[in-house]
């Protein structure tokens, strides 16, 4: 008899919750989808599992018999499958600055999925995805490079990083257009700000180049130019010789959790989905990469 395991789990959820509405909420399914699943299971088995009325949903005798047999069987199956994951790891790449709360999501996910989540810093544009050093990565690239899938985790405003000894450091706010008249420190590997982001007839000159965030901060401190980064940088990274100033009218910075479209780690999409759900407790499914993000980084 060809019975879908998913249908059995859906049946057990309805039996335990005492109704389709609560079970659908627990399973993150639309109620009509859950109803079709139970009906398909009943058709396959050739028995009625629930007595349904407008007021209540109750197990039939056959339903109670199935539930009694199913609980220990699924527990045994889950134990066996979880045991297979022992020693398995999911490597999460980043090139600087993880969004707030992501480490907590990783800890909970590791406990639930039975895998070890490892954060790996890799100073490359794709944070190790292109070399296979990681399985999934935080990328501040918009849009995502071809060959990758992912979820839009968050978006952030920008700050300007200004040498502390410049008169400009006394300002409380700056405009994005003002940076076009200043030399720009460009992180060519993992940065999010480049001269081409300004109009072609008014672009900043490149005062210095670097290959990671720490070098970028030191070159700004040395007065080689100004920089621009997500506002989260001002909350997590400071330098006594650099002033972080809010920017008006600047393009937002989007952060994605991305993984290969083909041949990805089996847990990659699930981890991305869990991270997105954690960012928005009301979310029922992960957003596609071009939909509205849920919160700041």
C-alpha atoms as a PDB file:
ATOM      1  CA  UNK A   1       0.000   0.000   0.000  1.00  0.00           C
ATOM      2  CA  UNK A   2       1.574   3.289  -1.133  1.00  0.00           C
ATOM      3  CA  UNK A   3       0.994   5.655   1.793  1.00  0.00           C
ATOM      4  CA  UNK A   4       2.642   9.090   1.876  1.00  0.00           C
ATOM      5  CA  UNK A   5       4.526   9.677   5.142  1.00  0.00           C
ATOM      6  CA  UNK A   6       3.558  13.353   5.018  1.00  0.00           C
ATOM      7  CA  UNK A   7      -0.118  12.374   5.045  1.00  0.00           C
ATOM      8  CA  UNK A   8       0.464  10.227   8.116  1.00  0.00           C
ATOM      9  CA  UNK A   9       2.129  13.109   9.939  1.00  0.00           C
ATOM     10  CA  UNK A  10      -0.737  15.406   8.932  1.00  0.00           C
ATOM     11  CA  UNK A  11      -3.237  12.868  10.233  1.00  0.00           C
ATOM     12  CA  UNK A  12      -1.437  12.686  13.561  1.00  0.00           C
ATOM     13  CA  UNK A  13      -1.428  16.482  13.877  1.00  0.00           C
ATOM     14  CA  UNK A  14      -5.211  16.659  13.340  1.00  0.00           C
ATOM     15  CA  UNK A  15      -5.736  13.828  15.830  1.00  0.00           C
ATOM     16  CA  UNK A  16      -3.560  15.518  18.470  1.00  0.00           C
ATOM     17  CA  UNK A  17      -4.962  19.026  17.940  1.00  0.00           C
ATOM     18  CA  UNK A  18      -8.571  17.846  17.790  1.00  0.00           C
ATOM     19  CA  UNK A  19      -9.383  19.765  14.628  1.00  0.00           C
ATOM     20  CA  UNK A  20      -8.200  20.939  11.223  1.00  0.00           C
ATOM     21  CA  UNK A  21      -7.811  24.634  12.041  1.00  0.00           C
ATOM     22  CA  UNK A  22      -5.350  24.168  14.901  1.00  0.00           C
ATOM     23  CA  UNK A  23      -3.496  21.418  13.041  1.00  0.00           C
ATOM     24  CA  UNK A  24      -3.128  23.571   9.923  1.00  0.00           C
ATOM     25  CA  UNK A  25      -1.676  26.375  12.053  1.00  0.00           C
ATOM     26  CA  UNK A  26       0.790  23.976  13.687  1.00  0.00           C
ATOM     27  CA  UNK A  27       1.861  22.539  10.333  1.00  0.00           C
ATOM     28  CA  UNK A  28       2.016  25.949   8.598  1.00  0.00           C
ATOM     29  CA  UNK A  29      -0.421  24.692   5.978  1.00  0.00           C
ATOM     30  CA  UNK A  30      -3.540  26.173   4.447  1.00  0.00           C
ATOM     31  CA  UNK A  31      -6.578  24.374   5.836  1.00  0.00           C
ATOM     32  CA  UNK A  32      -7.855  23.223   2.389  1.00  0.00           C
ATOM     33  CA  UNK A  33      -4.423  21.681   1.752  1.00  0.00           C
ATOM     34  CA  UNK A  34      -4.599  19.770   5.020  1.00  0.00           C
ATOM     35  CA  UNK A  35      -8.158  18.638   4.276  1.00  0.00           C
ATOM     36  CA  UNK A  36      -7.067  17.266   0.893  1.00  0.00           C
ATOM     37  CA  UNK A  37      -4.163  15.450   2.558  1.00  0.00           C
ATOM     38  CA  UNK A  38      -6.434  13.674   5.037  1.00  0.00           C
ATOM     39  CA  UNK A  39      -8.922  12.816   2.311  1.00  0.00           C
ATOM     40  CA  UNK A  40      -6.121  11.336   0.183  1.00  0.00           C
ATOM     41  CA  UNK A  41      -4.984   9.207   3.143  1.00  0.00           C
ATOM     42  CA  UNK A  42      -8.534   7.945   3.731  1.00  0.00           C
ATOM     43  CA  UNK A  43      -8.897   7.097   0.051  1.00  0.00           C
ATOM     44  CA  UNK A  44      -5.608   5.200   0.043  1.00  0.00           C
ATOM     45  CA  UNK A  45      -6.470   3.231   3.189  1.00  0.00           C
ATOM     46  CA  UNK A  46     -10.108   2.768   2.223  1.00  0.00           C
ATOM     47  CA  UNK A  47     -11.379   3.749   5.663  1.00  0.00           C
ATOM     48  CA  UNK A  48     -12.823   6.858   7.297  1.00  0.00           C
ATOM     49  CA  UNK A  49     -10.478   8.267   9.952  1.00  0.00           C
ATOM     50  CA  UNK A  50     -12.506  11.230  11.214  1.00  0.00           C
ATOM     51  CA  UNK A  51     -16.155  11.987  11.793  1.00  0.00           C
ATOM     52  CA  UNK A  52     -16.594  15.586  10.713  1.00  0.00           C
ATOM     53  CA  UNK A  53     -19.464  17.903  11.536  1.00  0.00           C
ATOM     54  CA  UNK A  54     -19.761  21.684  11.455  1.00  0.00           C
ATOM     55  CA  UNK A  55     -19.026  21.726  15.199  1.00  0.00           C
ATOM     56  CA  UNK A  56     -16.440  19.024  15.827  1.00  0.00           C
ATOM     57  CA  UNK A  57     -13.869  16.661  14.377  1.00  0.00           C
ATOM     58  CA  UNK A  58     -13.575  13.302  16.124  1.00  0.00           C
ATOM     59  CA  UNK A  59     -11.554  10.171  15.441  1.00  0.00           C
ATOM     60  CA  UNK A  60     -13.432   7.111  14.235  1.00  0.00           C
ATOM     61  CA  UNK A  61     -12.619   3.681  15.665  1.00  0.00           C
ATOM     62  CA  UNK A  62     -10.248   3.121  12.722  1.00  0.00           C
ATOM     63  CA  UNK A  63      -8.737   6.542  13.326  1.00  0.00           C
ATOM     64  CA  UNK A  64      -8.040   5.746  16.966  1.00  0.00           C
ATOM     65  CA  UNK A  65      -6.527   2.424  15.962  1.00  0.00           C
ATOM     66  CA  UNK A  66      -4.231   4.122  13.445  1.00  0.00           C
ATOM     67  CA  UNK A  67      -3.201   6.798  15.928  1.00  0.00           C
ATOM     68  CA  UNK A  68      -2.344   4.197  18.570  1.00  0.00           C
ATOM     69  CA  UNK A  69      -0.125   2.307  16.122  1.00  0.00           C
ATOM     70  CA  UNK A  70       1.360   5.363  14.451  1.00  0.00           C
ATOM     71  CA  UNK A  71       2.727   7.236  17.487  1.00  0.00           C
ATOM     72  CA  UNK A  72       5.434   4.686  18.433  1.00  0.00           C
ATOM     73  CA  UNK A  73       6.258   3.966  14.780  1.00  0.00           C
ATOM     74  CA  UNK A  74       6.858   7.632  13.917  1.00  0.00           C
ATOM     75  CA  UNK A  75       8.848   8.124  17.105  1.00  0.00           C
ATOM     76  CA  UNK A  76      11.069   5.197  16.155  1.00  0.00           C
ATOM     77  CA  UNK A  77      11.439   6.542  12.627  1.00  0.00           C
ATOM     78  CA  UNK A  78      12.294  10.057  13.835  1.00  0.00           C
ATOM     79  CA  UNK A  79      14.895   8.655  16.223  1.00  0.00           C
ATOM     80  CA  UNK A  80      16.523   6.673  13.424  1.00  0.00           C
ATOM     81  CA  UNK A  81      16.540   9.610  11.010  1.00  0.00           C
ATOM     82  CA  UNK A  82      17.863  12.028  13.613  1.00  0.00           C
ATOM     83  CA  UNK A  83      20.671   9.611  14.404  1.00  0.00           C
ATOM     84  CA  UNK A  84      21.791   9.775  10.782  1.00  0.00           C
ATOM     85  CA  UNK A  85      22.489  13.497  11.173  1.00  0.00           C
ATOM     86  CA  UNK A  86      24.937  13.086  14.026  1.00  0.00           C
ATOM     87  CA  UNK A  87      28.243  14.608  12.972  1.00  0.00           C
ATOM     88  CA  UNK A  88      26.624  16.463  10.048  1.00  0.00           C
ATOM     89  CA  UNK A  89      27.432  20.163   9.772  1.00  0.00           C
ATOM     90  CA  UNK A  90      25.999  23.116   7.890  1.00  0.00           C
ATOM     91  CA  UNK A  91      28.627  25.745   7.083  1.00  0.00           C
ATOM     92  CA  UNK A  92      27.309  29.319   6.928  1.00  0.00           C
ATOM     93  CA  UNK A  93      29.645  31.736   5.185  1.00  0.00           C
ATOM     94  CA  UNK A  94      29.945  35.484   5.674  1.00  0.00           C
ATOM     95  CA  UNK A  95      32.558  38.095   4.863  1.00  0.00           C
ATOM     96  CA  UNK A  96      31.740  40.491   7.714  1.00  0.00           C
ATOM     97  CA  UNK A  97      28.982  41.380  10.150  1.00  0.00           C
ATOM     98  CA  UNK A  98      26.219  38.816  10.659  1.00  0.00           C
ATOM     99  CA  UNK A  99      22.707  40.246  11.171  1.00  0.00           C
ATOM    100  CA  UNK A 100      21.582  40.475  14.760  1.00  0.00           C
ATOM    101  CA  UNK A 101      19.859  37.318  15.962  1.00  0.00           C
ATOM    102  CA  UNK A 102      21.219  34.974  13.291  1.00  0.00           C
ATOM    103  CA  UNK A 103      23.492  33.164  15.739  1.00  0.00           C
ATOM    104  CA  UNK A 104      20.482  32.439  17.950  1.00  0.00           C
ATOM    105  CA  UNK A 105      18.577  31.068  14.964  1.00  0.00           C
ATOM    106  CA  UNK A 106      21.559  28.851  14.160  1.00  0.00           C
ATOM    107  CA  UNK A 107      21.663  27.452  17.698  1.00  0.00           C
ATOM    108  CA  UNK A 108      17.957  26.615  17.713  1.00  0.00           C
ATOM    109  CA  UNK A 109      18.105  25.181  14.215  1.00  0.00           C
ATOM    110  CA  UNK A 110      21.055  22.988  15.135  1.00  0.00           C
ATOM    111  CA  UNK A 111      19.170  21.574  18.114  1.00  0.00           C
ATOM    112  CA  UNK A 112      15.998  20.924  16.121  1.00  0.00           C
ATOM    113  CA  UNK A 113      17.658  19.525  12.993  1.00  0.00           C
ATOM    114  CA  UNK A 114      20.373  17.585  14.775  1.00  0.00           C
ATOM    115  CA  UNK A 115      23.192  19.236  12.832  1.00  0.00           C
ATOM    116  CA  UNK A 116      26.055  21.503  13.810  1.00  0.00           C
ATOM    117  CA  UNK A 117      25.824  24.994  12.322  1.00  0.00           C
ATOM    118  CA  UNK A 118      29.264  26.518  11.763  1.00  0.00           C
ATOM    119  CA  UNK A 119      29.919  30.144  10.838  1.00  0.00           C
ATOM    120  CA  UNK A 120      32.879  30.546   8.487  1.00  0.00           C
ATOM    121  CA  UNK A 121      34.331  33.949   7.630  1.00  0.00           C
ATOM    122  CA  UNK A 122      35.658  34.051   4.066  1.00  0.00           C
ATOM    123  CA  UNK A 123      36.817  37.317   2.507  1.00  0.00           C
ATOM    124  CA  UNK A 124      35.557  36.626  -1.010  1.00  0.00           C
ATOM    125  CA  UNK A 125      32.670  38.273  -2.895  1.00  0.00           C
ATOM    126  CA  UNK A 126      30.515  35.134  -2.526  1.00  0.00           C
ATOM    127  CA  UNK A 127      31.693  34.356   1.022  1.00  0.00           C
ATOM    128  CA  UNK A 128      32.935  30.891   0.081  1.00  0.00           C
ATOM    129  CA  UNK A 129      29.942  29.666  -1.931  1.00  0.00           C
ATOM    130  CA  UNK A 130      31.882  29.796  -5.187  1.00  0.00           C
ATOM    131  CA  UNK A 131      34.665  27.549  -3.877  1.00  0.00           C
ATOM    132  CA  UNK A 132      32.513  25.107  -1.916  1.00  0.00           C
ATOM    133  CA  UNK A 133      34.026  26.258   1.373  1.00  0.00           C
ATOM    134  CA  UNK A 134      30.509  26.838   2.763  1.00  0.00           C
ATOM    135  CA  UNK A 135      27.009  25.488   2.146  1.00  0.00           C
ATOM    136  CA  UNK A 136      25.007  28.707   2.522  1.00  0.00           C
ATOM    137  CA  UNK A 137      26.153  32.299   2.863  1.00  0.00           C
ATOM    138  CA  UNK A 138      25.078  35.769   3.873  1.00  0.00           C
ATOM    139  CA  UNK A 139      25.475  37.957   0.803  1.00  0.00           C
ATOM    140  CA  UNK A 140      24.956  41.697   0.489  1.00  0.00           C
ATOM    141  CA  UNK A 141      24.617  41.526  -3.270  1.00  0.00           C
ATOM    142  CA  UNK A 142      21.549  42.807  -5.071  1.00  0.00           C
ATOM    143  CA  UNK A 143      20.452  41.002  -7.149  1.00  0.00           C
ATOM    144  CA  UNK A 144      21.870  37.612  -6.253  1.00  0.00           C
ATOM    145  CA  UNK A 145      24.427  36.219  -8.718  1.00  0.00           C
ATOM    146  CA  UNK A 146      23.160  33.680 -11.238  1.00  0.00           C
ATOM    147  CA  UNK A 147      23.119  30.104 -10.034  1.00  0.00           C
ATOM    148  CA  UNK A 148      22.035  30.997  -6.507  1.00  0.00           C
ATOM    149  CA  UNK A 149      18.725  30.856  -4.695  1.00  0.00           C
ATOM    150  CA  UNK A 150      17.902  32.406  -1.363  1.00  0.00           C
ATOM    151  CA  UNK A 151      15.698  34.510   0.851  1.00  0.00           C
ATOM    152  CA  UNK A 152      15.816  38.227   1.473  1.00  0.00           C
ATOM    153  CA  UNK A 153      16.650  38.268   5.159  1.00  0.00           C
ATOM    154  CA  UNK A 154      16.684  41.988   5.918  1.00  0.00           C
ATOM    155  CA  UNK A 155      17.472  45.435   4.602  1.00  0.00           C
ATOM    156  CA  UNK A 156      19.337  48.305   6.201  1.00  0.00           C
ATOM    157  CA  UNK A 157      19.883  52.010   5.753  1.00  0.00           C
ATOM    158  CA  UNK A 158      23.387  53.377   5.194  1.00  0.00           C
ATOM    159  CA  UNK A 159      25.869  55.386   7.181  1.00  0.00           C
ATOM    160  CA  UNK A 160      28.851  57.394   6.023  1.00  0.00           C
ATOM    161  CA  UNK A 161      32.201  56.625   7.633  1.00  0.00           C
ATOM    162  CA  UNK A 162      34.151  59.893   7.905  1.00  0.00           C
ATOM    163  CA  UNK A 163      37.733  60.463   9.172  1.00  0.00           C
ATOM    164  CA  UNK A 164      37.398  61.902  12.650  1.00  0.00           C
ATOM    165  CA  UNK A 165      39.861  64.730  11.980  1.00  0.00           C
ATOM    166  CA  UNK A 166      37.900  66.056   8.963  1.00  0.00           C
ATOM    167  CA  UNK A 167      35.582  69.047   9.557  1.00  0.00           C
ATOM    168  CA  UNK A 168      32.834  66.950   7.943  1.00  0.00           C
ATOM    169  CA  UNK A 169      32.873  64.696  11.027  1.00  0.00           C
ATOM    170  CA  UNK A 170      31.073  67.422  12.982  1.00  0.00           C
ATOM    171  CA  UNK A 171      27.925  66.970  10.880  1.00  0.00           C
ATOM    172  CA  UNK A 172      24.935  65.118  12.347  1.00  0.00           C
ATOM    173  CA  UNK A 173      23.681  63.907   8.934  1.00  0.00           C
ATOM    174  CA  UNK A 174      24.973  63.762   5.372  1.00  0.00           C
ATOM    175  CA  UNK A 175      23.308  63.416   1.994  1.00  0.00           C
ATOM    176  CA  UNK A 176      24.161  60.583  -0.381  1.00  0.00           C
ATOM    177  CA  UNK A 177      24.831  63.095  -3.161  1.00  0.00           C
ATOM    178  CA  UNK A 178      27.429  64.897  -1.012  1.00  0.00           C
ATOM    179  CA  UNK A 179      29.680  61.825  -1.059  1.00  0.00           C
ATOM    180  CA  UNK A 180      30.092  62.218  -4.829  1.00  0.00           C
ATOM    181  CA  UNK A 181      32.412  65.187  -4.184  1.00  0.00           C
ATOM    182  CA  UNK A 182      34.710  63.238  -1.851  1.00  0.00           C
ATOM    183  CA  UNK A 183      37.315  60.498  -2.332  1.00  0.00           C
ATOM    184  CA  UNK A 184      35.811  57.095  -1.631  1.00  0.00           C
ATOM    185  CA  UNK A 185      37.422  54.147   0.158  1.00  0.00           C
ATOM    186  CA  UNK A 186      36.224  51.050  -1.727  1.00  0.00           C
ATOM    187  CA  UNK A 187      36.209  47.504  -0.388  1.00  0.00           C
ATOM    188  CA  UNK A 188      36.559  45.676  -3.704  1.00  0.00           C
ATOM    189  CA  UNK A 189      35.818  42.209  -2.276  1.00  0.00           C
ATOM    190  CA  UNK A 190      33.035  42.457   0.292  1.00  0.00           C
ATOM    191  CA  UNK A 191      31.980  46.101   0.138  1.00  0.00           C
ATOM    192  CA  UNK A 192      28.553  47.447  -0.726  1.00  0.00           C
ATOM    193  CA  UNK A 193      29.486  50.899  -2.073  1.00  0.00           C
ATOM    194  CA  UNK A 194      31.057  51.653  -5.458  1.00  0.00           C
ATOM    195  CA  UNK A 195      31.388  54.806  -7.605  1.00  0.00           C
ATOM    196  CA  UNK A 196      29.014  53.399 -10.247  1.00  0.00           C
ATOM    197  CA  UNK A 197      26.139  53.806  -7.769  1.00  0.00           C
ATOM    198  CA  UNK A 198      26.153  57.581  -8.419  1.00  0.00           C
ATOM    199  CA  UNK A 199      25.084  59.264 -11.684  1.00  0.00           C
ATOM    200  CA  UNK A 200      27.665  58.891 -14.450  1.00  0.00           C
ATOM    201  CA  UNK A 201      28.309  62.620 -14.665  1.00  0.00           C
ATOM    202  CA  UNK A 202      28.956  62.949 -10.928  1.00  0.00           C
ATOM    203  CA  UNK A 203      30.792  60.090  -9.302  1.00  0.00           C
ATOM    204  CA  UNK A 204      33.296  60.081  -6.437  1.00  0.00           C
ATOM    205  CA  UNK A 205      36.939  59.370  -7.139  1.00  0.00           C
ATOM    206  CA  UNK A 206      38.536  56.316  -5.538  1.00  0.00           C
ATOM    207  CA  UNK A 207      40.761  57.473  -2.705  1.00  0.00           C
ATOM    208  CA  UNK A 208      41.863  53.956  -1.725  1.00  0.00           C
ATOM    209  CA  UNK A 209      40.964  50.309  -2.238  1.00  0.00           C
ATOM    210  CA  UNK A 210      40.976  47.400   0.203  1.00  0.00           C
ATOM    211  CA  UNK A 211      39.823  43.785   0.456  1.00  0.00           C
ATOM    212  CA  UNK A 212      37.970  43.484   3.775  1.00  0.00           C
ATOM    213  CA  UNK A 213      36.023  45.504   6.315  1.00  0.00           C
ATOM    214  CA  UNK A 214      38.894  45.912   8.788  1.00  0.00           C
ATOM    215  CA  UNK A 215      41.185  47.369   6.118  1.00  0.00           C
ATOM    216  CA  UNK A 216      38.353  49.606   4.958  1.00  0.00           C
ATOM    217  CA  UNK A 217      37.897  51.051   8.439  1.00  0.00           C
ATOM    218  CA  UNK A 218      41.630  51.682   8.875  1.00  0.00           C
ATOM    219  CA  UNK A 219      41.951  53.457   5.516  1.00  0.00           C
ATOM    220  CA  UNK A 220      39.049  55.754   6.417  1.00  0.00           C
ATOM    221  CA  UNK A 221      40.695  56.442   9.780  1.00  0.00           C
ATOM    222  CA  UNK A 222      43.900  57.366   7.946  1.00  0.00           C
ATOM    223  CA  UNK A 223      42.028  60.027   5.994  1.00  0.00           C
ATOM    224  CA  UNK A 224      42.290  58.379   2.564  1.00  0.00           C
ATOM    225  CA  UNK A 225      38.599  58.991   1.927  1.00  0.00           C
ATOM    226  CA  UNK A 226      35.074  58.428   3.193  1.00  0.00           C
ATOM    227  CA  UNK A 227      33.186  55.179   3.115  1.00  0.00           C
ATOM    228  CA  UNK A 228      29.623  53.969   3.221  1.00  0.00           C
ATOM    229  CA  UNK A 229      28.269  50.816   4.864  1.00  0.00           C
ATOM    230  CA  UNK A 230      25.038  49.433   6.359  1.00  0.00           C
ATOM    231  CA  UNK A 231      23.892  51.198   9.505  1.00  0.00           C
ATOM    232  CA  UNK A 232      24.425  47.927  11.370  1.00  0.00           C
ATOM    233  CA  UNK A 233      28.147  48.579  10.972  1.00  0.00           C
ATOM    234  CA  UNK A 234      27.867  51.604  13.243  1.00  0.00           C
ATOM    235  CA  UNK A 235      26.258  49.446  15.915  1.00  0.00           C
ATOM    236  CA  UNK A 236      28.779  46.620  15.746  1.00  0.00           C
ATOM    237  CA  UNK A 237      32.069  48.176  14.639  1.00  0.00           C
ATOM    238  CA  UNK A 238      33.649  51.335  15.979  1.00  0.00           C
ATOM    239  CA  UNK A 239      36.970  53.075  15.557  1.00  0.00           C
ATOM    240  CA  UNK A 240      38.203  55.994  17.671  1.00  0.00           C
ATOM    241  CA  UNK A 241      39.336  57.854  14.561  1.00  0.00           C
ATOM    242  CA  UNK A 242      36.186  57.268  12.458  1.00  0.00           C
ATOM    243  CA  UNK A 243      32.817  58.998  12.824  1.00  0.00           C
ATOM    244  CA  UNK A 244      29.724  57.109  11.617  1.00  0.00           C
ATOM    245  CA  UNK A 245      27.096  59.558  10.310  1.00  0.00           C
ATOM    246  CA  UNK A 246      23.565  58.703   9.080  1.00  0.00           C
ATOM    247  CA  UNK A 247      23.024  59.159   5.336  1.00  0.00           C
ATOM    248  CA  UNK A 248      19.902  60.616   3.735  1.00  0.00           C
ATOM    249  CA  UNK A 249      18.555  59.479   0.350  1.00  0.00           C
ATOM    250  CA  UNK A 250      20.996  56.578   0.132  1.00  0.00           C
ATOM    251  CA  UNK A 251      20.086  53.218  -1.450  1.00  0.00           C
ATOM    252  CA  UNK A 252      19.287  50.501   1.074  1.00  0.00           C
ATOM    253  CA  UNK A 253      21.563  47.518   1.627  1.00  0.00           C
ATOM    254  CA  UNK A 254      19.859  44.134   1.221  1.00  0.00           C
ATOM    255  CA  UNK A 255      21.168  40.981   2.864  1.00  0.00           C
ATOM    256  CA  UNK A 256      20.318  37.511   1.553  1.00  0.00           C
ATOM    257  CA  UNK A 257      20.890  33.990   2.766  1.00  0.00           C
ATOM    258  CA  UNK A 258      21.885  32.273  -0.457  1.00  0.00           C
ATOM    259  CA  UNK A 259      22.719  28.748  -1.547  1.00  0.00           C
ATOM    260  CA  UNK A 260      23.345  27.014  -4.907  1.00  0.00           C
ATOM    261  CA  UNK A 261      20.312  26.463  -7.131  1.00  0.00           C
ATOM    262  CA  UNK A 262      21.494  22.915  -7.787  1.00  0.00           C
ATOM    263  CA  UNK A 263      23.312  20.486  -5.510  1.00  0.00           C
ATOM    264  CA  UNK A 264      22.787  22.505  -2.329  1.00  0.00           C
ATOM    265  CA  UNK A 265      23.188  21.007   1.145  1.00  0.00           C
ATOM    266  CA  UNK A 266      19.859  19.324   2.065  1.00  0.00           C
ATOM    267  CA  UNK A 267      19.535  21.606   5.111  1.00  0.00           C
ATOM    268  CA  UNK A 268      20.407  24.879   3.354  1.00  0.00           C
ATOM    269  CA  UNK A 269      16.917  25.865   2.202  1.00  0.00           C
ATOM    270  CA  UNK A 270      15.420  24.857   5.537  1.00  0.00           C
ATOM    271  CA  UNK A 271      17.911  26.982   7.479  1.00  0.00           C
ATOM    272  CA  UNK A 272      17.220  29.981   5.216  1.00  0.00           C
ATOM    273  CA  UNK A 273      13.491  29.511   5.745  1.00  0.00           C
ATOM    274  CA  UNK A 274      13.892  29.281   9.531  1.00  0.00           C
ATOM    275  CA  UNK A 275      16.030  32.428   9.600  1.00  0.00           C
ATOM    276  CA  UNK A 276      13.400  34.327   7.638  1.00  0.00           C
ATOM    277  CA  UNK A 277      10.600  33.074   9.875  1.00  0.00           C
ATOM    278  CA  UNK A 278      12.556  34.232  12.934  1.00  0.00           C
ATOM    279  CA  UNK A 279      12.815  37.704  11.420  1.00  0.00           C
ATOM    280  CA  UNK A 280       9.013  37.834  11.087  1.00  0.00           C
ATOM    281  CA  UNK A 281       7.049  35.689  13.587  1.00  0.00           C
ATOM    282  CA  UNK A 282       3.902  36.084  11.436  1.00  0.00           C
ATOM    283  CA  UNK A 283       5.563  34.631   8.345  1.00  0.00           C
ATOM    284  CA  UNK A 284       4.178  31.362   6.988  1.00  0.00           C
ATOM    285  CA  UNK A 285       6.686  30.740   4.210  1.00  0.00           C
ATOM    286  CA  UNK A 286       9.987  32.147   2.995  1.00  0.00           C
ATOM    287  CA  UNK A 287       9.893  35.122   0.635  1.00  0.00           C
ATOM    288  CA  UNK A 288      11.298  34.957  -2.853  1.00  0.00           C
ATOM    289  CA  UNK A 289      14.392  37.052  -3.414  1.00  0.00           C
ATOM    290  CA  UNK A 290      12.634  40.079  -4.882  1.00  0.00           C
ATOM    291  CA  UNK A 291       9.796  40.419  -2.385  1.00  0.00           C
ATOM    292  CA  UNK A 292       9.479  42.893   0.452  1.00  0.00           C
ATOM    293  CA  UNK A 293      12.009  42.299   3.272  1.00  0.00           C
ATOM    294  CA  UNK A 294      10.779  42.110   6.824  1.00  0.00           C
ATOM    295  CA  UNK A 295      13.082  44.144   9.027  1.00  0.00           C
ATOM    296  CA  UNK A 296      16.361  45.950   9.314  1.00  0.00           C
ATOM    297  CA  UNK A 297      19.640  44.098   9.697  1.00  0.00           C
END
